[in-house]
Amino acid sequence: MGKTIVCPCHDVTVEDIRATYAAGYTHPETLKRATAAFMGPCQGKHCAGAVMSLLRELTGEPAGEPAGEPVTRRPTARPPLRPVALGLLAAAAQTGSETGAETGGTGVAGATTGGA
C-alpha cells in the first residue's frame, strides 16, 4: 500500500498526520508546527482541505458544522514581516549573507521596505 500525501510541499502523509495527532498534537496550530503542513510555498492552498478534513475525522467534528465556531479551524496564514524583493533574497543565497543587526532585521543586507 502506498503513501497518501496530503501536503505536497513538505511530503506530509496521512500516516504522518495520524501519528502526530496520536502523539498529542491535536490542534491545527500545533499540528502545523510538528509536521510543517500549511507552511510550504503554497501556504496551505493545496493541503488545507485534505489536512483539515482528516483532522475533523480524527476529532469527530462533523464537516460543515453550522452552529457556532468549529472546533478545528485552519491555521492563519501570516505574511512576511516586511516586503523583500526576490532579487535580494537570491543575492543573499548566493553570497551566504547572515541575519543580523546590520541588515535591519530583514536578514538581507540592503533590503528595504519600499516606503515605510
N, C-alpha and C. Protein backbone atom coordinates (compact mmCIF):
# COMPACT_ATOMS: atom_id res chain seq x y z
N MET A 1 0.85 -1.19 0.00
CA MET A 1 0.00 0.00 0.00
C MET A 1 0.88 1.24 0.00
N GLY A 2 0.59 2.19 -0.87
CA GLY A 2 1.40 3.39 -0.98
C GLY A 2 1.04 4.44 0.04
N LYS A 3 1.86 5.45 0.08
CA LYS A 3 1.62 6.57 0.99
C LYS A 3 0.71 7.59 0.32
N THR A 4 -0.21 8.13 1.09
CA THR A 4 -1.09 9.17 0.59
C THR A 4 -0.58 10.50 1.09
N ILE A 5 -0.11 11.34 0.18
CA ILE A 5 0.44 12.65 0.54
C ILE A 5 -0.69 13.66 0.61
N VAL A 6 -0.77 14.37 1.75
CA VAL A 6 -1.78 15.40 1.91
C VAL A 6 -1.19 16.80 1.77
N CYS A 7 0.11 16.94 1.98
CA CYS A 7 0.79 18.22 1.82
C CYS A 7 1.95 18.01 0.85
N PRO A 8 1.74 18.31 -0.43
CA PRO A 8 2.78 18.06 -1.42
C PRO A 8 4.02 18.94 -1.24
N CYS A 9 3.89 20.10 -0.65
CA CYS A 9 5.05 20.98 -0.47
C CYS A 9 6.09 20.37 0.47
N HIS A 10 5.62 19.66 1.51
CA HIS A 10 6.52 19.10 2.51
C HIS A 10 6.40 17.58 2.62
N ASP A 11 5.76 16.95 1.65
CA ASP A 11 5.62 15.49 1.64
C ASP A 11 5.03 14.94 2.94
N VAL A 12 4.04 15.61 3.48
CA VAL A 12 3.37 15.13 4.70
C VAL A 12 2.28 14.15 4.27
N THR A 13 2.29 12.98 4.88
CA THR A 13 1.34 11.93 4.51
C THR A 13 0.20 11.83 5.52
N VAL A 14 -0.81 11.07 5.13
CA VAL A 14 -1.93 10.78 6.04
C VAL A 14 -1.39 10.11 7.30
N GLU A 15 -0.45 9.20 7.11
CA GLU A 15 0.13 8.49 8.25
C GLU A 15 0.87 9.46 9.18
N ASP A 16 1.55 10.46 8.61
CA ASP A 16 2.23 11.48 9.43
C ASP A 16 1.23 12.25 10.28
N ILE A 17 0.12 12.65 9.67
CA ILE A 17 -0.90 13.41 10.40
C ILE A 17 -1.49 12.55 11.52
N ARG A 18 -1.82 11.30 11.21
CA ARG A 18 -2.39 10.41 12.22
C ARG A 18 -1.42 10.17 13.39
N ALA A 19 -0.15 9.95 13.07
CA ALA A 19 0.85 9.70 14.12
C ALA A 19 1.07 10.96 14.96
N THR A 20 1.10 12.11 14.32
CA THR A 20 1.29 13.37 15.05
C THR A 20 0.10 13.65 15.95
N TYR A 21 -1.10 13.39 15.44
CA TYR A 21 -2.31 13.56 16.25
C TYR A 21 -2.27 12.63 17.46
N ALA A 22 -1.89 11.38 17.24
CA ALA A 22 -1.81 10.40 18.32
C ALA A 22 -0.76 10.78 19.35
N ALA A 23 0.26 11.53 18.92
CA ALA A 23 1.31 11.97 19.83
C ALA A 23 0.89 13.18 20.67
N GLY A 24 -0.32 13.69 20.43
CA GLY A 24 -0.82 14.79 21.25
C GLY A 24 -0.94 16.12 20.55
N TYR A 25 -0.57 16.20 19.30
CA TYR A 25 -0.67 17.46 18.54
C TYR A 25 -2.06 17.49 17.90
N THR A 26 -3.06 17.87 18.67
CA THR A 26 -4.44 17.76 18.24
C THR A 26 -5.03 19.06 17.70
N HIS A 27 -4.37 20.17 17.91
CA HIS A 27 -4.85 21.46 17.42
C HIS A 27 -4.18 21.77 16.09
N PRO A 28 -4.88 22.40 15.15
CA PRO A 28 -4.26 22.69 13.86
C PRO A 28 -2.94 23.46 13.95
N GLU A 29 -2.83 24.39 14.89
CA GLU A 29 -1.59 25.16 15.02
C GLU A 29 -0.42 24.28 15.47
N THR A 30 -0.65 23.39 16.43
CA THR A 30 0.43 22.52 16.89
C THR A 30 0.74 21.45 15.85
N LEU A 31 -0.28 20.98 15.16
CA LEU A 31 -0.08 20.02 14.07
C LEU A 31 0.76 20.66 12.96
N LYS A 32 0.49 21.91 12.69
CA LYS A 32 1.25 22.65 11.68
C LYS A 32 2.73 22.72 12.06
N ARG A 33 3.01 23.03 13.30
CA ARG A 33 4.39 23.15 13.75
C ARG A 33 5.12 21.81 13.78
N ALA A 34 4.39 20.75 14.07
CA ALA A 34 5.00 19.43 14.16
C ALA A 34 5.25 18.79 12.80
N THR A 35 4.41 19.11 11.80
CA THR A 35 4.53 18.44 10.51
C THR A 35 4.97 19.36 9.37
N ALA A 36 4.86 20.67 9.54
CA ALA A 36 5.13 21.68 8.51
C ALA A 36 4.03 21.74 7.46
N ALA A 37 2.92 21.01 7.65
CA ALA A 37 1.77 21.18 6.77
C ALA A 37 1.30 22.62 6.91
N PHE A 38 0.79 23.20 5.87
CA PHE A 38 0.33 24.60 5.78
C PHE A 38 1.49 25.59 5.66
N MET A 39 2.74 25.13 5.76
CA MET A 39 3.87 26.07 5.80
C MET A 39 4.72 26.05 4.54
N GLY A 40 4.29 25.38 3.50
CA GLY A 40 5.06 25.33 2.27
C GLY A 40 4.88 26.60 1.45
N PRO A 41 5.44 26.63 0.28
CA PRO A 41 5.30 27.81 -0.59
C PRO A 41 3.85 28.16 -0.89
N CYS A 42 2.96 27.17 -0.87
CA CYS A 42 1.54 27.45 -1.18
C CYS A 42 0.79 28.00 0.03
N GLN A 43 1.42 28.00 1.22
CA GLN A 43 0.79 28.46 2.46
C GLN A 43 -0.53 27.75 2.75
N GLY A 44 -0.60 26.47 2.39
CA GLY A 44 -1.77 25.67 2.70
C GLY A 44 -2.84 25.66 1.62
N LYS A 45 -2.62 26.33 0.52
CA LYS A 45 -3.64 26.35 -0.53
C LYS A 45 -3.89 24.96 -1.11
N HIS A 46 -2.87 24.12 -1.16
CA HIS A 46 -3.03 22.78 -1.72
C HIS A 46 -3.42 21.75 -0.67
N CYS A 47 -2.99 21.93 0.57
CA CYS A 47 -3.20 20.87 1.56
C CYS A 47 -4.27 21.18 2.60
N ALA A 48 -4.70 22.40 2.73
CA ALA A 48 -5.62 22.76 3.81
C ALA A 48 -6.88 21.90 3.84
N GLY A 49 -7.50 21.72 2.70
CA GLY A 49 -8.73 20.93 2.66
C GLY A 49 -8.53 19.51 3.14
N ALA A 50 -7.49 18.86 2.62
CA ALA A 50 -7.23 17.46 2.98
C ALA A 50 -6.81 17.32 4.44
N VAL A 51 -5.93 18.20 4.90
CA VAL A 51 -5.45 18.11 6.28
C VAL A 51 -6.59 18.41 7.25
N MET A 52 -7.37 19.43 6.97
CA MET A 52 -8.47 19.78 7.88
C MET A 52 -9.55 18.71 7.87
N SER A 53 -9.82 18.11 6.73
CA SER A 53 -10.79 17.02 6.66
C SER A 53 -10.32 15.84 7.50
N LEU A 54 -9.06 15.50 7.39
CA LEU A 54 -8.50 14.41 8.19
C LEU A 54 -8.54 14.75 9.68
N LEU A 55 -8.23 15.98 10.02
CA LEU A 55 -8.25 16.40 11.43
C LEU A 55 -9.67 16.37 11.98
N ARG A 56 -10.64 16.79 11.17
CA ARG A 56 -12.04 16.70 11.62
C ARG A 56 -12.45 15.25 11.84
N GLU A 57 -11.98 14.37 10.96
CA GLU A 57 -12.27 12.94 11.13
C GLU A 57 -11.68 12.42 12.43
N LEU A 58 -10.45 12.83 12.73
CA LEU A 58 -9.78 12.36 13.94
C LEU A 58 -10.42 12.91 15.21
N THR A 59 -10.91 14.15 15.16
CA THR A 59 -11.53 14.76 16.34
C THR A 59 -12.99 14.39 16.49
N GLY A 60 -13.59 13.87 15.40
CA GLY A 60 -15.01 13.54 15.45
C GLY A 60 -15.91 14.72 15.19
N GLU A 61 -15.33 15.83 14.73
CA GLU A 61 -16.13 17.02 14.42
C GLU A 61 -16.84 16.83 13.09
N PRO A 62 -18.15 17.09 13.04
CA PRO A 62 -18.86 16.96 11.77
C PRO A 62 -18.40 18.04 10.78
N ALA A 63 -18.31 17.67 9.53
CA ALA A 63 -17.91 18.62 8.49
C ALA A 63 -19.01 19.65 8.29
N GLY A 64 -18.63 20.90 8.12
CA GLY A 64 -19.59 21.97 7.85
C GLY A 64 -20.55 22.21 8.98
N GLU A 65 -20.05 22.21 10.21
CA GLU A 65 -20.91 22.42 11.37
C GLU A 65 -21.51 23.82 11.32
N PRO A 66 -22.85 23.94 11.20
CA PRO A 66 -23.46 25.25 11.02
C PRO A 66 -23.57 26.08 12.30
N ALA A 67 -23.74 25.45 13.44
CA ALA A 67 -23.97 26.20 14.67
C ALA A 67 -22.66 26.49 15.39
N GLY A 68 -22.38 27.77 15.59
CA GLY A 68 -21.21 28.16 16.38
C GLY A 68 -19.89 28.02 15.65
N GLU A 69 -18.84 28.19 16.41
CA GLU A 69 -17.47 28.15 15.90
C GLU A 69 -17.01 26.70 15.79
N PRO A 70 -16.41 26.33 14.64
CA PRO A 70 -15.90 24.96 14.54
C PRO A 70 -14.75 24.73 15.51
N VAL A 71 -14.62 23.51 15.97
CA VAL A 71 -13.56 23.16 16.90
C VAL A 71 -12.21 23.28 16.21
N THR A 72 -12.14 22.82 14.97
CA THR A 72 -10.88 22.85 14.24
C THR A 72 -10.94 23.90 13.14
N ARG A 73 -10.13 24.92 13.28
CA ARG A 73 -10.01 25.99 12.28
C ARG A 73 -8.66 25.91 11.63
N ARG A 74 -8.62 26.22 10.36
CA ARG A 74 -7.37 26.25 9.63
C ARG A 74 -6.45 27.31 10.25
N PRO A 75 -5.16 26.99 10.39
CA PRO A 75 -4.23 27.99 10.93
C PRO A 75 -4.16 29.23 10.05
N THR A 76 -3.89 30.34 10.66
CA THR A 76 -3.81 31.61 9.95
C THR A 76 -2.54 31.67 9.13
N ALA A 77 -2.68 32.05 7.86
CA ALA A 77 -1.51 32.28 7.01
C ALA A 77 -0.99 33.67 7.34
N ARG A 78 0.28 33.77 7.63
CA ARG A 78 0.86 35.05 8.02
C ARG A 78 1.83 35.53 6.95
N PRO A 79 1.66 36.78 6.51
CA PRO A 79 2.59 37.31 5.51
C PRO A 79 3.94 37.63 6.15
N PRO A 80 4.96 37.84 5.34
CA PRO A 80 6.26 38.24 5.90
C PRO A 80 6.13 39.55 6.67
N LEU A 81 7.05 39.77 7.61
CA LEU A 81 7.03 40.99 8.41
C LEU A 81 7.16 42.23 7.54
N ARG A 82 8.08 42.17 6.59
CA ARG A 82 8.29 43.29 5.66
C ARG A 82 8.45 42.73 4.26
N PRO A 83 8.06 43.50 3.25
CA PRO A 83 8.30 43.04 1.89
C PRO A 83 9.80 43.02 1.58
N VAL A 84 10.23 42.00 0.89
CA VAL A 84 11.63 41.87 0.47
C VAL A 84 11.63 41.46 -0.99
N ALA A 85 12.40 42.17 -1.80
CA ALA A 85 12.49 41.84 -3.22
C ALA A 85 13.14 40.47 -3.40
N LEU A 86 12.61 39.68 -4.32
CA LEU A 86 13.15 38.34 -4.54
C LEU A 86 14.60 38.39 -5.00
N GLY A 87 14.98 39.42 -5.73
CA GLY A 87 16.36 39.56 -6.17
C GLY A 87 17.32 39.67 -4.98
N LEU A 88 16.89 40.35 -3.92
CA LEU A 88 17.73 40.46 -2.72
C LEU A 88 17.88 39.11 -2.03
N LEU A 89 16.81 38.33 -2.01
CA LEU A 89 16.89 37.01 -1.40
C LEU A 89 17.81 36.10 -2.22
N ALA A 90 17.71 36.19 -3.53
CA ALA A 90 18.57 35.37 -4.39
C ALA A 90 20.03 35.77 -4.22
N ALA A 91 20.28 37.06 -4.12
CA ALA A 91 21.66 37.54 -3.93
C ALA A 91 22.20 37.07 -2.58
N ALA A 92 21.36 37.10 -1.56
CA ALA A 92 21.78 36.65 -0.24
C ALA A 92 22.10 35.16 -0.25
N ALA A 93 21.31 34.39 -0.99
CA ALA A 93 21.54 32.95 -1.06
C ALA A 93 22.88 32.67 -1.74
N GLN A 94 23.22 33.47 -2.73
CA GLN A 94 24.48 33.25 -3.46
C GLN A 94 25.69 33.65 -2.63
N THR A 95 25.55 34.72 -1.83
CA THR A 95 26.68 35.21 -1.05
C THR A 95 26.72 34.61 0.35
N GLY A 96 25.62 33.99 0.77
CA GLY A 96 25.58 33.39 2.10
C GLY A 96 25.42 34.42 3.20
N SER A 97 24.71 35.52 2.95
CA SER A 97 24.50 36.56 3.97
C SER A 97 23.78 36.00 5.17
N GLU A 98 24.12 36.51 6.34
CA GLU A 98 23.52 36.09 7.60
C GLU A 98 22.52 37.14 8.04
N THR A 99 21.59 36.74 8.91
CA THR A 99 20.69 37.72 9.51
C THR A 99 21.42 38.41 10.64
N GLY A 100 21.03 39.64 10.90
CA GLY A 100 21.69 40.35 11.99
C GLY A 100 21.32 41.82 12.01
N ALA A 101 21.94 42.55 12.91
CA ALA A 101 21.62 43.96 13.09
C ALA A 101 21.99 44.77 11.87
N GLU A 102 23.06 44.41 11.17
CA GLU A 102 23.49 45.20 10.02
C GLU A 102 22.48 45.14 8.88
N THR A 103 21.54 44.22 8.92
CA THR A 103 20.55 44.11 7.86
C THR A 103 19.23 44.76 8.23
N GLY A 104 19.16 45.36 9.41
CA GLY A 104 17.91 45.97 9.84
C GLY A 104 16.86 44.95 10.19
N GLY A 105 17.28 43.72 10.49
CA GLY A 105 16.33 42.68 10.88
C GLY A 105 15.67 41.98 9.72
N THR A 106 16.03 42.35 8.48
CA THR A 106 15.38 41.72 7.34
C THR A 106 16.06 40.42 6.95
N GLY A 107 17.30 40.24 7.39
CA GLY A 107 18.02 39.04 7.02
C GLY A 107 18.75 39.17 5.71
N VAL A 108 18.56 40.32 5.04
CA VAL A 108 19.21 40.55 3.76
C VAL A 108 19.84 41.93 3.79
N ALA A 109 21.13 42.01 3.57
CA ALA A 109 21.82 43.29 3.59
C ALA A 109 21.25 44.21 2.53
N GLY A 110 20.90 45.42 2.92
CA GLY A 110 20.41 46.41 1.99
C GLY A 110 18.93 46.30 1.67
N ALA A 111 18.21 45.39 2.28
CA ALA A 111 16.79 45.24 2.00
C ALA A 111 16.03 46.43 2.58
N THR A 112 15.04 46.87 1.84
CA THR A 112 14.22 47.99 2.31
C THR A 112 12.76 47.59 2.27
N THR A 113 11.95 48.38 2.94
CA THR A 113 10.52 48.10 2.95
C THR A 113 9.82 48.84 1.83
N GLY A 114 10.50 49.66 1.10
CA GLY A 114 9.92 50.30 -0.05
C GLY A 114 9.08 51.53 0.27
N GLY A 115 9.08 52.02 1.47
CA GLY A 115 8.34 53.25 1.71
C GLY A 115 8.04 53.52 3.16
N ALA A 116 8.16 52.56 4.00
CA ALA A 116 7.79 52.82 5.40
C ALA A 116 9.02 53.04 6.24
